[in-house]
Amino acid sequence: MKMRKLFALLLSLVLLFSLAGCGAESMSMNGTASDSFEGSSTYRGEVGVELEDTTVQESPQLPANRKLIQKVWLNAETEDMDQTLAQVNSRISELDGYVEAQNIYNGSAYGGTRYRTAELTVRIPAEQLDSFINKITELSNIVSSEKDTDDITLDYISTESRIKALETEQQRLLELLEMAETMDDLLMIEARLTEVRAELEQVNSTLRLFDNQVNYATVYLSVREVREYTVVTEPETVWQRMGAGFMESLEDIWDGIVEFFVGIVINAPYLILLAALVLVILLLVKFFKKKRKQKRTYIPPQPRQNSPDNQNNL
């Protein structure tokens, strides 16, 4: 009976490593390749026989539905930033998407323009991506667009296989844990069981990340508020370029005049205070000049001399 028990134990270990080896293929998993059987520990039975890991690599069969990560970059123009953003956010909610990041810049008075820009990172269900892009096209003028599709089917299948292999190994380790008779065997199995559980959690986390990236496409939307949309036209002649350049120069001059008067109105309190200060200084200067002039023309009174009449009176 004891020999039969040992034989069953050894047979279970061989089966364990055979199943685990099927899923131990190299995979990227977002830049992290994990292979828990690399340098894996071996289990020592009661008879002192050391079992080594045996791996069997097979090429997985690709399913009909591939796992694709879709990313889109859109640069758009709008004449009304508030209205466009409101409609974009409304469309995102309708499609069960969400805004992952948002940055809105309201312009600067020092830059000579108050036009605003908005940068949004939007997550949209992959099947609704085209609908969302069409809505952005309706709401604004698309200046440029770019799309990138990353096929992670092989990585996804490898991750799933790795999870199955780890779950099988975990189950076998639990069975061996109940059959352990010595403290050394118990500690060795528990140590390996801890490693398997930690790796299983990590691989499951990677699979969840894959699912999120596949199920939700990422749209990087950049919106700029403009006065006029950018129009793509045919190549212009020399006279057309000269005329267009002349009109642009006139517009720049007019914008400069407007900004000049706007600046004067904005800074009017400071200008009034400065004018009052200059007036006070001028009045003080004038006053001190007048005082100095009076001091220079002043003639002290002369002492009176004795006349003959005064002497006779004496």
Protein backbone atom coordinates (compact mmCIF):
# COMPACT_ATOMS: atom_id res chain seq x y z
CA MET A 1 0.00 0.00 0.00
CA LYS A 2 2.82 2.38 0.83
CA MET A 3 4.51 1.84 -2.55
CA ARG A 4 1.22 2.37 -4.31
CA LYS A 5 0.73 5.61 -2.41
CA LEU A 6 4.20 6.83 -3.35
CA PHE A 7 3.61 5.92 -6.97
CA ALA A 8 0.35 7.87 -7.04
CA LEU A 9 2.09 10.86 -5.49
CA LEU A 10 4.88 10.82 -8.05
CA LEU A 11 2.41 10.39 -10.88
CA SER A 12 0.46 13.42 -9.67
CA LEU A 13 3.63 15.52 -9.62
CA VAL A 14 4.53 14.53 -13.18
CA LEU A 15 1.04 15.41 -14.34
CA LEU A 16 1.24 18.69 -12.47
CA PHE A 17 4.37 19.91 -14.23
CA SER A 18 3.21 18.64 -17.61
CA LEU A 19 0.03 20.70 -17.40
CA ALA A 20 1.81 23.75 -16.04
CA GLY A 21 4.41 23.63 -18.79
CA CYS A 22 1.79 23.96 -21.52
CA GLY A 23 1.09 27.54 -20.58
CA ALA A 24 4.63 28.64 -19.73
CA GLU A 25 5.28 30.55 -22.95
CA SER A 26 7.04 33.86 -23.29
CA MET A 27 4.66 36.79 -23.42
CA SER A 28 4.93 40.54 -23.22
CA MET A 29 2.01 41.38 -20.88
CA ASN A 30 2.58 45.13 -21.28
CA GLY A 31 6.32 44.94 -21.00
CA THR A 32 6.41 42.39 -18.16
CA ALA A 33 7.21 38.80 -19.01
CA SER A 34 6.55 36.36 -16.19
CA ASP A 35 7.50 32.72 -16.10
CA SER A 36 7.18 31.22 -12.66
CA PHE A 37 8.70 27.93 -13.75
CA GLU A 38 12.02 29.52 -14.64
CA GLY A 39 14.33 28.04 -12.10
CA SER A 40 11.25 26.56 -10.40
CA SER A 41 11.69 24.59 -7.24
CA THR A 42 11.27 20.82 -7.30
CA TYR A 43 9.32 18.69 -4.94
CA ARG A 44 11.02 15.94 -3.04
CA GLY A 45 8.92 12.89 -2.18
CA GLU A 46 9.32 10.50 0.65
CA VAL A 47 11.67 8.33 -1.36
CA GLY A 48 14.06 11.25 -2.00
CA VAL A 49 13.41 11.43 -5.76
CA GLU A 50 13.75 14.96 -7.20
CA LEU A 51 11.30 15.85 -9.97
CA GLU A 52 12.33 18.45 -12.55
CA ASP A 53 10.08 20.76 -14.52
CA THR A 54 9.18 19.61 -18.03
CA THR A 55 7.67 22.16 -20.44
CA VAL A 56 5.75 21.57 -23.60
CA GLN A 57 5.29 24.59 -25.86
CA GLU A 58 2.49 24.62 -28.38
CA SER A 59 1.41 27.28 -30.85
CA PRO A 60 -2.00 28.55 -29.73
CA GLN A 61 -4.85 28.57 -32.19
CA LEU A 62 -5.99 32.13 -32.88
CA PRO A 63 -9.73 32.75 -32.45
CA ALA A 64 -11.84 34.46 -35.06
CA ASN A 65 -12.32 37.56 -32.88
CA ARG A 66 -8.96 39.21 -32.38
CA LYS A 67 -8.00 41.35 -29.38
CA LEU A 68 -7.27 44.87 -30.62
CA ILE A 69 -6.28 48.00 -28.71
CA GLN A 70 -7.43 51.09 -30.60
CA LYS A 71 -6.03 54.60 -30.10
CA VAL A 72 -7.12 57.71 -31.99
CA TRP A 73 -5.60 61.23 -32.05
CA LEU A 74 -7.86 64.09 -33.22
CA ASN A 75 -6.93 67.76 -33.65
CA ALA A 76 -10.05 69.89 -34.10
CA GLU A 77 -11.09 73.54 -34.38
CA THR A 78 -14.24 75.16 -33.05
CA GLU A 79 -15.75 78.63 -33.07
CA ASP A 80 -17.57 78.10 -29.74
CA MET A 81 -15.56 76.17 -27.15
CA ASP A 82 -18.28 76.02 -24.47
CA GLN A 83 -20.95 74.65 -26.78
CA THR A 84 -18.60 72.11 -28.37
CA LEU A 85 -17.38 70.76 -25.02
CA ALA A 86 -20.93 70.50 -23.72
CA GLN A 87 -22.03 68.46 -26.74
CA VAL A 88 -18.91 66.29 -26.63
CA ASN A 89 -19.48 65.44 -22.96
CA SER A 90 -23.13 64.72 -23.67
CA ARG A 91 -22.18 62.32 -26.47
CA ILE A 92 -19.63 60.59 -24.24
CA SER A 93 -22.33 59.91 -21.65
CA GLU A 94 -24.72 58.61 -24.31
CA LEU A 95 -22.12 56.09 -25.49
CA ASP A 96 -21.34 54.92 -21.92
CA GLY A 97 -17.82 56.32 -22.12
CA TYR A 98 -15.91 58.51 -19.70
CA VAL A 99 -13.31 61.28 -19.63
CA GLU A 100 -10.04 59.94 -18.25
CA ALA A 101 -8.21 63.31 -18.27
CA GLN A 102 -9.07 66.89 -19.20
CA ASN A 103 -7.09 70.12 -19.43
CA ILE A 104 -8.64 73.44 -20.51
CA TYR A 105 -6.55 76.57 -21.16
CA ASN A 106 -8.48 79.86 -21.23
CA GLY A 107 -5.83 81.93 -22.98
CA SER A 108 -3.73 84.82 -21.73
CA ALA A 109 -4.13 88.57 -22.08
CA TYR A 110 -0.36 88.91 -22.36
CA GLY A 111 -0.30 86.76 -25.48
CA GLY A 112 -2.47 89.17 -27.47
CA THR A 113 -5.27 86.58 -27.81
CA ARG A 114 -7.95 85.06 -25.60
CA TYR A 115 -8.61 81.95 -27.66
CA ARG A 116 -8.93 78.78 -25.61
CA THR A 117 -7.72 75.21 -26.04
CA ALA A 118 -8.86 71.92 -24.51
CA GLU A 119 -7.07 68.59 -24.22
CA LEU A 120 -9.21 65.51 -23.44
CA THR A 121 -8.42 61.83 -23.03
CA VAL A 122 -11.66 59.96 -23.67
CA ARG A 123 -12.42 56.26 -23.23
CA ILE A 124 -15.17 55.04 -25.54
CA PRO A 125 -16.56 51.49 -25.99
CA ALA A 126 -14.69 50.04 -28.94
CA GLU A 127 -17.86 49.28 -30.89
CA GLN A 128 -18.93 52.95 -30.55
CA LEU A 129 -15.64 54.48 -31.67
CA ASP A 130 -16.75 55.33 -35.23
CA SER A 131 -19.96 56.89 -33.93
CA PHE A 132 -18.01 59.13 -31.57
CA ILE A 133 -15.57 60.23 -34.28
CA ASN A 134 -18.46 61.09 -36.60
CA LYS A 135 -20.00 63.23 -33.86
CA ILE A 136 -16.73 65.13 -33.35
CA THR A 137 -16.58 65.70 -37.12
CA GLU A 138 -20.08 67.20 -37.04
CA LEU A 139 -19.32 69.50 -34.10
CA SER A 140 -15.94 70.84 -35.23
CA ASN A 141 -13.44 71.12 -38.03
CA ILE A 142 -11.01 68.17 -37.97
CA VAL A 143 -7.56 69.49 -38.81
CA SER A 144 -5.70 66.18 -38.47
CA SER A 145 -6.40 62.65 -37.31
CA GLU A 146 -4.37 59.53 -36.59
CA LYS A 147 -5.34 55.99 -35.60
CA ASP A 148 -3.22 53.20 -34.17
CA THR A 149 -4.34 49.58 -33.69
CA ASP A 150 -2.31 47.17 -31.59
CA ASP A 151 -3.07 43.45 -31.97
CA ILE A 152 -2.53 41.70 -28.59
CA THR A 153 -4.27 38.45 -29.45
CA LEU A 154 -1.18 36.30 -28.84
CA ASP A 155 -0.43 38.00 -25.54
CA TYR A 156 -4.06 37.65 -24.47
CA ILE A 157 -4.14 33.91 -25.24
CA SER A 158 -0.81 33.37 -23.51
CA THR A 159 -2.12 35.16 -20.43
CA GLU A 160 -5.25 33.03 -20.34
CA SER A 161 -3.17 29.86 -20.72
CA ARG A 162 -0.90 31.00 -17.93
CA ILE A 163 -3.85 31.56 -15.62
CA LYS A 164 -5.19 28.05 -16.32
CA ALA A 165 -1.77 26.50 -15.66
CA LEU A 166 -1.37 28.40 -12.40
CA GLU A 167 -4.86 27.47 -11.23
CA THR A 168 -4.14 23.78 -11.99
CA GLU A 169 -0.85 23.98 -10.12
CA GLN A 170 -2.54 25.66 -7.19
CA GLN A 171 -5.12 22.88 -6.99
CA ARG A 172 -2.42 20.18 -7.09
CA LEU A 173 -0.44 21.95 -4.39
CA LEU A 174 -3.50 22.03 -2.14
CA GLU A 175 -3.93 18.29 -2.64
CA LEU A 176 -0.26 17.66 -1.87
CA LEU A 177 -0.54 19.88 1.18
CA GLU A 178 -3.11 17.51 2.64
CA MET A 179 -0.89 14.49 1.91
CA ALA A 180 2.34 15.96 3.34
CA GLU A 181 3.74 13.86 6.22
CA THR A 182 6.95 15.72 7.11
CA MET A 183 7.56 19.31 8.12
CA ASP A 184 10.05 19.82 5.26
CA ASP A 185 7.48 18.76 2.67
CA LEU A 186 4.88 20.96 4.29
CA LEU A 187 7.09 24.05 4.27
CA MET A 188 8.25 23.45 0.69
CA ILE A 189 4.70 23.07 -0.61
CA GLU A 190 3.46 26.11 1.29
CA ALA A 191 6.31 28.24 -0.05
CA ARG A 192 5.54 27.26 -3.63
CA LEU A 193 1.81 27.76 -3.03
CA THR A 194 2.50 31.34 -1.91
CA GLU A 195 4.50 32.03 -5.07
CA VAL A 196 1.78 30.57 -7.29
CA ARG A 197 -0.95 32.63 -5.65
CA ALA A 198 1.07 35.86 -5.98
CA GLU A 199 1.79 35.20 -9.64
CA LEU A 200 -1.82 34.24 -10.29
CA GLU A 201 -2.99 37.56 -8.88
CA GLN A 202 -0.49 39.43 -11.06
CA VAL A 203 -1.49 37.60 -14.23
CA ASN A 204 -5.20 38.10 -13.49
CA SER A 205 -4.51 41.83 -13.08
CA THR A 206 -2.78 41.88 -16.47
CA LEU A 207 -5.77 40.14 -18.07
CA ARG A 208 -8.14 42.70 -16.57
CA LEU A 209 -5.95 45.48 -17.98
CA PHE A 210 -6.06 43.83 -21.41
CA ASP A 211 -9.86 43.62 -21.22
CA ASN A 212 -10.14 47.31 -20.36
CA GLN A 213 -7.85 48.36 -23.19
CA VAL A 214 -9.63 46.13 -25.71
CA ASN A 215 -13.19 46.96 -24.66
CA TYR A 216 -12.59 50.72 -24.47
CA ALA A 217 -10.84 52.64 -27.24
CA THR A 218 -8.76 55.68 -26.27
CA VAL A 219 -9.35 59.01 -28.02
CA TYR A 220 -6.88 61.87 -27.50
CA LEU A 221 -8.92 64.92 -28.48
CA SER A 222 -7.35 68.37 -28.87
CA VAL A 223 -9.76 71.25 -29.51
CA ARG A 224 -8.68 74.81 -30.32
CA GLU A 225 -11.01 77.81 -30.40
CA VAL A 226 -10.54 79.90 -33.54
CA ARG A 227 -12.20 82.84 -35.25
CA GLU A 228 -12.28 81.13 -38.64
CA TYR A 229 -11.85 77.49 -39.58
CA THR A 230 -8.72 76.43 -41.43
CA VAL A 231 -9.69 75.94 -45.07
CA VAL A 232 -7.73 73.70 -47.42
CA THR A 233 -7.49 75.38 -50.82
CA GLU A 234 -5.69 74.88 -54.10
CA PRO A 235 -2.18 76.33 -54.52
CA GLU A 236 -2.42 80.10 -54.95
CA THR A 237 -0.80 82.24 -57.62
CA VAL A 238 1.69 84.99 -56.85
CA TRP A 239 -0.97 87.72 -57.09
CA GLN A 240 -3.34 85.77 -54.87
CA ARG A 241 -0.60 85.29 -52.29
CA MET A 242 0.26 88.99 -52.42
CA GLY A 243 -3.40 89.96 -52.01
CA ALA A 244 -3.94 87.52 -49.16
CA GLY A 245 -0.76 88.68 -47.44
CA PHE A 246 -1.80 92.34 -47.79
CA MET A 247 -5.20 91.64 -46.26
CA GLU A 248 -3.60 89.70 -43.42
CA SER A 249 -1.28 92.63 -42.74
CA LEU A 250 -4.27 95.01 -42.59
CA GLU A 251 -6.02 92.63 -40.19
CA ASP A 252 -2.89 92.50 -38.02
CA ILE A 253 -2.70 96.32 -37.97
CA TRP A 254 -6.37 96.58 -37.05
CA ASP A 255 -5.94 93.96 -34.32
CA GLY A 256 -2.96 95.93 -33.00
CA ILE A 257 -4.99 99.17 -32.88
CA VAL A 258 -7.84 97.42 -31.10
CA GLU A 259 -5.50 95.85 -28.58
CA PHE A 260 -3.83 99.25 -28.01
CA PHE A 261 -7.10 100.96 -27.11
CA VAL A 262 -8.23 97.97 -25.07
CA GLY A 263 -4.97 98.20 -23.15
CA ILE A 264 -5.52 101.91 -22.53
CA VAL A 265 -9.01 101.32 -21.16
CA ILE A 266 -7.85 98.44 -19.00
CA ASN A 267 -4.96 100.45 -17.57
CA ALA A 268 -6.92 103.73 -17.25
CA PRO A 269 -6.84 103.77 -13.41
CA TYR A 270 -3.06 103.46 -13.44
CA LEU A 271 -2.75 106.15 -16.13
CA ILE A 272 -4.96 108.57 -14.17
CA LEU A 273 -2.92 107.99 -11.01
CA LEU A 274 0.31 108.52 -12.96
CA ALA A 275 -1.02 111.74 -14.53
CA ALA A 276 -2.03 113.09 -11.12
CA LEU A 277 1.41 112.30 -9.74
CA VAL A 278 3.12 114.06 -12.65
CA LEU A 279 0.85 117.11 -12.18
CA VAL A 280 1.74 117.33 -8.48
CA ILE A 281 5.43 117.12 -9.30
CA LEU A 282 5.13 119.89 -11.92
CA LEU A 283 3.27 122.17 -9.49
CA LEU A 284 5.94 121.61 -6.82
CA VAL A 285 8.72 122.37 -9.28
CA LYS A 286 6.97 125.55 -10.39
CA PHE A 287 6.44 126.65 -6.79
CA PHE A 288 10.07 126.15 -5.80
CA LYS A 289 11.27 127.99 -8.94
CA LYS A 290 9.11 130.97 -8.06
CA LYS A 291 10.42 131.04 -4.49
CA ARG A 292 13.99 130.94 -5.72
CA LYS A 293 13.37 133.82 -8.15
CA GLN A 294 11.87 135.94 -5.42
CA LYS A 295 14.87 135.31 -3.22
CA ARG A 296 17.30 136.45 -5.91
CA THR A 297 15.49 139.81 -6.58
CA TYR A 298 15.11 140.80 -2.91
CA ILE A 299 16.91 144.14 -1.95
CA PRO A 300 17.54 144.67 1.78
CA PRO A 301 16.54 148.13 3.19
CA GLN A 302 19.37 150.76 3.32
CA PRO A 303 20.23 152.53 6.68
CA ARG A 304 18.99 156.12 6.90
CA GLN A 305 21.70 158.92 6.84
CA ASN A 306 21.60 162.19 8.95
CA SER A 307 20.49 165.21 6.90
CA PRO A 308 21.38 168.95 7.66
CA ASP A 309 17.84 169.60 8.82
CA ASN A 310 18.07 166.82 11.31
CA GLN A 311 21.34 168.28 12.62
CA ASN A 312 19.76 171.74 13.07
CA ASN A 313 16.93 170.25 14.96
CA LEU A 314 19.41 168.74 17.25
